[in-house]
N, C-alpha and C. Protein backbone atom coordinates (compact mmCIF):
# COMPACT_ATOMS: atom_id res chain seq x y z
N UNK A 1 -26.90 13.23 63.06
CA UNK A 1 -27.08 13.28 61.62
C UNK A 1 -27.42 11.89 61.10
N UNK A 2 -28.44 11.79 60.31
CA UNK A 2 -28.83 10.52 59.71
C UNK A 2 -28.01 10.30 58.44
N UNK A 3 -27.50 9.09 58.29
CA UNK A 3 -26.70 8.78 57.11
C UNK A 3 -27.59 8.57 55.89
N UNK A 4 -27.05 8.84 54.68
CA UNK A 4 -27.82 8.55 53.47
C UNK A 4 -28.18 7.08 53.40
N UNK A 5 -29.28 6.79 52.73
CA UNK A 5 -29.79 5.42 52.70
C UNK A 5 -29.11 4.54 51.67
N UNK A 6 -28.39 5.12 50.74
CA UNK A 6 -27.75 4.33 49.69
C UNK A 6 -26.27 4.69 49.60
N UNK A 7 -25.46 3.71 49.28
CA UNK A 7 -24.03 3.96 49.09
C UNK A 7 -23.79 4.72 47.80
N UNK A 8 -22.71 5.45 47.78
CA UNK A 8 -22.30 6.13 46.56
C UNK A 8 -21.82 5.09 45.56
N UNK A 9 -21.72 5.52 44.33
CA UNK A 9 -21.24 4.65 43.27
C UNK A 9 -20.54 5.53 42.25
N UNK A 10 -19.73 4.91 41.37
CA UNK A 10 -19.08 5.67 40.31
C UNK A 10 -20.11 6.12 39.28
N UNK A 11 -20.01 7.38 38.86
CA UNK A 11 -20.80 7.89 37.76
C UNK A 11 -19.90 7.96 36.53
N UNK A 12 -18.74 8.56 36.70
CA UNK A 12 -17.70 8.61 35.66
C UNK A 12 -16.38 8.31 36.34
N UNK A 13 -15.88 7.09 36.14
CA UNK A 13 -14.65 6.67 36.82
C UNK A 13 -13.44 7.21 36.07
N UNK A 14 -12.57 7.90 36.79
CA UNK A 14 -11.32 8.38 36.22
C UNK A 14 -10.39 7.19 35.96
N UNK A 15 -9.36 7.42 35.18
CA UNK A 15 -8.38 6.37 34.93
C UNK A 15 -7.37 6.36 36.08
N UNK A 16 -7.19 5.20 36.69
CA UNK A 16 -6.19 5.06 37.75
C UNK A 16 -4.84 4.89 37.07
N UNK A 17 -3.90 5.74 37.41
CA UNK A 17 -2.57 5.68 36.80
C UNK A 17 -1.58 5.14 37.83
N UNK A 18 -0.99 4.01 37.51
CA UNK A 18 0.03 3.39 38.35
C UNK A 18 1.34 4.11 38.04
N UNK A 19 1.93 4.82 38.99
CA UNK A 19 3.17 5.56 38.70
C UNK A 19 4.26 4.65 38.14
N UNK A 20 4.89 5.10 37.06
CA UNK A 20 5.91 4.29 36.38
C UNK A 20 7.08 3.97 37.29
N UNK A 21 7.48 4.93 38.12
CA UNK A 21 8.58 4.69 39.06
C UNK A 21 8.20 3.59 40.04
N UNK A 22 6.94 3.59 40.49
CA UNK A 22 6.48 2.56 41.42
C UNK A 22 6.50 1.18 40.77
N UNK A 23 6.13 1.12 39.50
CA UNK A 23 6.18 -0.16 38.78
C UNK A 23 7.62 -0.65 38.70
N UNK A 24 8.52 0.26 38.32
CA UNK A 24 9.94 -0.10 38.18
C UNK A 24 10.53 -0.57 39.51
N UNK A 25 10.11 0.05 40.62
CA UNK A 25 10.65 -0.30 41.93
C UNK A 25 9.89 -1.44 42.61
N UNK A 26 8.84 -1.94 41.95
CA UNK A 26 8.08 -3.05 42.51
C UNK A 26 7.17 -2.67 43.66
N UNK A 27 6.76 -1.40 43.73
CA UNK A 27 5.89 -0.94 44.81
C UNK A 27 4.45 -1.34 44.53
N UNK A 28 3.81 -1.92 45.52
CA UNK A 28 2.40 -2.26 45.41
C UNK A 28 1.76 -2.10 46.79
N UNK A 29 0.45 -2.09 46.80
CA UNK A 29 -0.25 -1.96 48.08
C UNK A 29 -1.66 -1.47 47.86
N UNK A 30 -2.31 -1.17 48.97
CA UNK A 30 -3.71 -0.73 48.95
C UNK A 30 -3.82 0.56 49.75
N UNK A 31 -4.47 1.54 49.16
CA UNK A 31 -4.72 2.82 49.82
C UNK A 31 -6.20 2.86 50.18
N UNK A 32 -6.50 3.20 51.42
CA UNK A 32 -7.89 3.36 51.83
C UNK A 32 -8.16 4.85 52.01
N UNK A 33 -9.09 5.37 51.22
CA UNK A 33 -9.44 6.78 51.26
C UNK A 33 -10.81 6.99 51.87
N UNK A 34 -11.02 8.17 52.45
CA UNK A 34 -12.34 8.65 52.85
C UNK A 34 -12.62 9.82 51.92
N UNK A 35 -13.71 9.72 51.17
CA UNK A 35 -14.05 10.74 50.18
C UNK A 35 -15.37 11.39 50.58
N UNK A 36 -15.37 12.71 50.68
CA UNK A 36 -16.61 13.45 50.91
C UNK A 36 -17.22 13.76 49.56
N UNK A 37 -18.32 13.09 49.26
CA UNK A 37 -18.99 13.25 47.97
C UNK A 37 -20.13 14.24 48.15
N UNK A 38 -20.10 15.30 47.36
CA UNK A 38 -21.15 16.31 47.41
C UNK A 38 -22.37 15.88 46.62
N UNK A 39 -23.43 16.64 46.76
CA UNK A 39 -24.67 16.32 46.02
C UNK A 39 -24.46 16.44 44.52
N UNK A 40 -23.42 17.17 44.11
CA UNK A 40 -23.10 17.31 42.70
C UNK A 40 -22.29 16.13 42.16
N UNK A 41 -21.92 15.18 43.02
CA UNK A 41 -21.17 14.00 42.59
C UNK A 41 -19.67 14.20 42.57
N UNK A 42 -19.21 15.38 42.95
CA UNK A 42 -17.77 15.65 42.97
C UNK A 42 -17.18 15.28 44.33
N UNK A 43 -15.89 14.93 44.31
CA UNK A 43 -15.17 14.67 45.56
C UNK A 43 -14.78 16.02 46.15
N UNK A 44 -15.43 16.41 47.24
CA UNK A 44 -15.16 17.72 47.85
C UNK A 44 -13.97 17.66 48.79
N UNK A 45 -13.69 16.48 49.32
CA UNK A 45 -12.54 16.31 50.21
C UNK A 45 -12.09 14.86 50.13
N UNK A 46 -10.78 14.64 50.12
CA UNK A 46 -10.23 13.29 50.09
C UNK A 46 -9.18 13.17 51.18
N UNK A 47 -9.34 12.18 52.05
CA UNK A 47 -8.38 11.94 53.13
C UNK A 47 -7.84 10.52 53.02
N UNK A 48 -6.56 10.37 53.30
CA UNK A 48 -5.95 9.04 53.33
C UNK A 48 -6.19 8.46 54.72
N UNK A 49 -6.95 7.39 54.79
CA UNK A 49 -7.22 6.72 56.08
C UNK A 49 -6.17 5.65 56.37
N UNK A 50 -5.69 5.00 55.30
CA UNK A 50 -4.65 3.99 55.47
C UNK A 50 -3.73 4.06 54.25
N UNK A 51 -2.47 4.28 54.50
CA UNK A 51 -1.48 4.42 53.44
C UNK A 51 -1.08 3.06 52.88
N UNK A 52 -0.63 3.09 51.64
CA UNK A 52 -0.06 1.89 51.02
C UNK A 52 1.35 1.65 51.51
N UNK A 53 1.93 2.68 52.12
CA UNK A 53 3.33 2.62 52.53
C UNK A 53 4.24 3.29 51.51
N UNK A 54 3.64 3.76 50.41
CA UNK A 54 4.41 4.41 49.34
C UNK A 54 3.73 5.73 48.97
N UNK A 55 4.42 6.82 49.15
CA UNK A 55 3.86 8.15 48.89
C UNK A 55 3.33 8.29 47.46
N UNK A 56 4.08 7.74 46.47
CA UNK A 56 3.64 7.85 45.07
C UNK A 56 2.28 7.20 44.86
N UNK A 57 2.10 6.01 45.45
CA UNK A 57 0.82 5.30 45.29
C UNK A 57 -0.29 6.04 46.02
N UNK A 58 0.00 6.54 47.20
CA UNK A 58 -1.00 7.29 47.96
C UNK A 58 -1.49 8.50 47.16
N UNK A 59 -0.55 9.25 46.59
CA UNK A 59 -0.92 10.45 45.84
C UNK A 59 -1.65 10.10 44.53
N UNK A 60 -1.28 9.00 43.89
CA UNK A 60 -2.00 8.55 42.68
C UNK A 60 -3.44 8.20 43.03
N UNK A 61 -3.64 7.58 44.18
CA UNK A 61 -4.99 7.22 44.63
C UNK A 61 -5.82 8.48 44.90
N UNK A 62 -5.21 9.47 45.54
CA UNK A 62 -5.91 10.73 45.82
C UNK A 62 -6.31 11.41 44.52
N UNK A 63 -5.40 11.46 43.55
CA UNK A 63 -5.72 12.08 42.25
C UNK A 63 -6.88 11.35 41.58
N UNK A 64 -6.86 10.01 41.62
CA UNK A 64 -7.94 9.21 41.04
C UNK A 64 -9.27 9.58 41.69
N UNK A 65 -9.30 9.63 43.02
CA UNK A 65 -10.54 9.94 43.74
C UNK A 65 -11.03 11.35 43.42
N UNK A 66 -10.11 12.29 43.29
CA UNK A 66 -10.49 13.67 43.01
C UNK A 66 -11.05 13.84 41.60
N UNK A 67 -10.58 13.05 40.66
CA UNK A 67 -10.99 13.18 39.27
C UNK A 67 -12.23 12.36 38.92
N UNK A 68 -12.62 11.45 39.80
CA UNK A 68 -13.78 10.60 39.56
C UNK A 68 -15.07 11.35 39.93
N UNK A 69 -16.12 11.12 39.16
CA UNK A 69 -17.45 11.65 39.48
C UNK A 69 -18.25 10.51 40.09
N UNK A 70 -19.03 10.82 41.10
CA UNK A 70 -19.76 9.81 41.86
C UNK A 70 -21.27 10.05 41.79
N UNK A 71 -22.01 9.00 42.02
CA UNK A 71 -23.44 9.10 42.24
C UNK A 71 -23.61 9.11 43.75
N UNK A 72 -24.00 10.24 44.34
CA UNK A 72 -24.06 10.33 45.79
C UNK A 72 -25.18 9.48 46.37
N UNK A 73 -25.06 9.22 47.67
CA UNK A 73 -26.12 8.53 48.38
C UNK A 73 -27.37 9.40 48.44
N UNK A 74 -28.47 8.81 48.83
CA UNK A 74 -29.72 9.56 48.92
C UNK A 74 -30.35 9.38 50.29
N UNK A 75 -31.08 10.40 50.70
CA UNK A 75 -31.86 10.35 51.93
C UNK A 75 -33.23 10.92 51.58
N UNK A 76 -34.27 10.14 51.85
CA UNK A 76 -35.63 10.54 51.48
C UNK A 76 -35.74 10.84 49.99
N UNK A 77 -34.98 10.06 49.18
CA UNK A 77 -35.05 10.21 47.73
C UNK A 77 -34.25 11.37 47.16
N UNK A 78 -33.59 12.14 48.01
CA UNK A 78 -32.83 13.31 47.55
C UNK A 78 -31.33 13.06 47.74
N UNK A 79 -30.51 13.47 46.74
CA UNK A 79 -29.06 13.33 46.90
C UNK A 79 -28.60 14.07 48.15
N UNK A 80 -27.61 13.47 48.81
CA UNK A 80 -27.09 14.06 50.04
C UNK A 80 -25.58 13.87 50.10
N UNK A 81 -24.89 14.90 50.57
CA UNK A 81 -23.44 14.79 50.75
C UNK A 81 -23.16 13.65 51.74
N UNK A 82 -22.08 12.91 51.48
CA UNK A 82 -21.77 11.78 52.34
C UNK A 82 -20.29 11.45 52.28
N UNK A 83 -19.78 10.83 53.34
CA UNK A 83 -18.44 10.28 53.35
C UNK A 83 -18.51 8.86 52.82
N UNK A 84 -17.51 8.49 52.01
CA UNK A 84 -17.49 7.19 51.35
C UNK A 84 -16.10 6.58 51.53
N UNK A 85 -16.02 5.35 52.02
CA UNK A 85 -14.74 4.64 52.16
C UNK A 85 -14.40 4.02 50.80
N UNK A 86 -13.25 4.40 50.26
CA UNK A 86 -12.86 3.98 48.92
C UNK A 86 -11.50 3.29 48.95
N UNK A 87 -11.46 1.95 48.81
CA UNK A 87 -10.17 1.26 48.74
C UNK A 87 -9.63 1.31 47.31
N UNK A 88 -8.35 1.62 47.16
CA UNK A 88 -7.70 1.69 45.84
C UNK A 88 -6.52 0.71 45.86
N UNK A 89 -6.64 -0.42 45.16
CA UNK A 89 -5.52 -1.37 45.12
C UNK A 89 -4.53 -1.03 43.99
N UNK A 90 -3.28 -1.23 44.27
CA UNK A 90 -2.21 -1.13 43.27
C UNK A 90 -1.48 -2.47 43.31
N UNK A 91 -1.71 -3.28 42.28
CA UNK A 91 -1.15 -4.64 42.25
C UNK A 91 -0.33 -4.83 40.98
N UNK A 92 0.87 -5.32 41.14
CA UNK A 92 1.71 -5.64 40.00
C UNK A 92 1.37 -7.04 39.50
N UNK A 93 1.36 -7.20 38.20
CA UNK A 93 1.03 -8.51 37.63
C UNK A 93 2.27 -9.16 37.05
């Protein structure tokens, strides 16, 4: 299978919600997701490739990825379903 020629990008970015319990407990980290983006720009499948170490943050990242609309990659000028590596950082300030 030939990969799409262009990377996906955000079309309509959802709001990332940092869980209040995680903020109170000082939980932070980075979640690495694999997102299957369909030709319609929706996330058809979301997999956690690398956990933050905190279930709440991992699930918040998955919800963010599922609610975001993407501009899919293209092959021969046509939108094509593709897997996209999406890092989601959760950093306390």
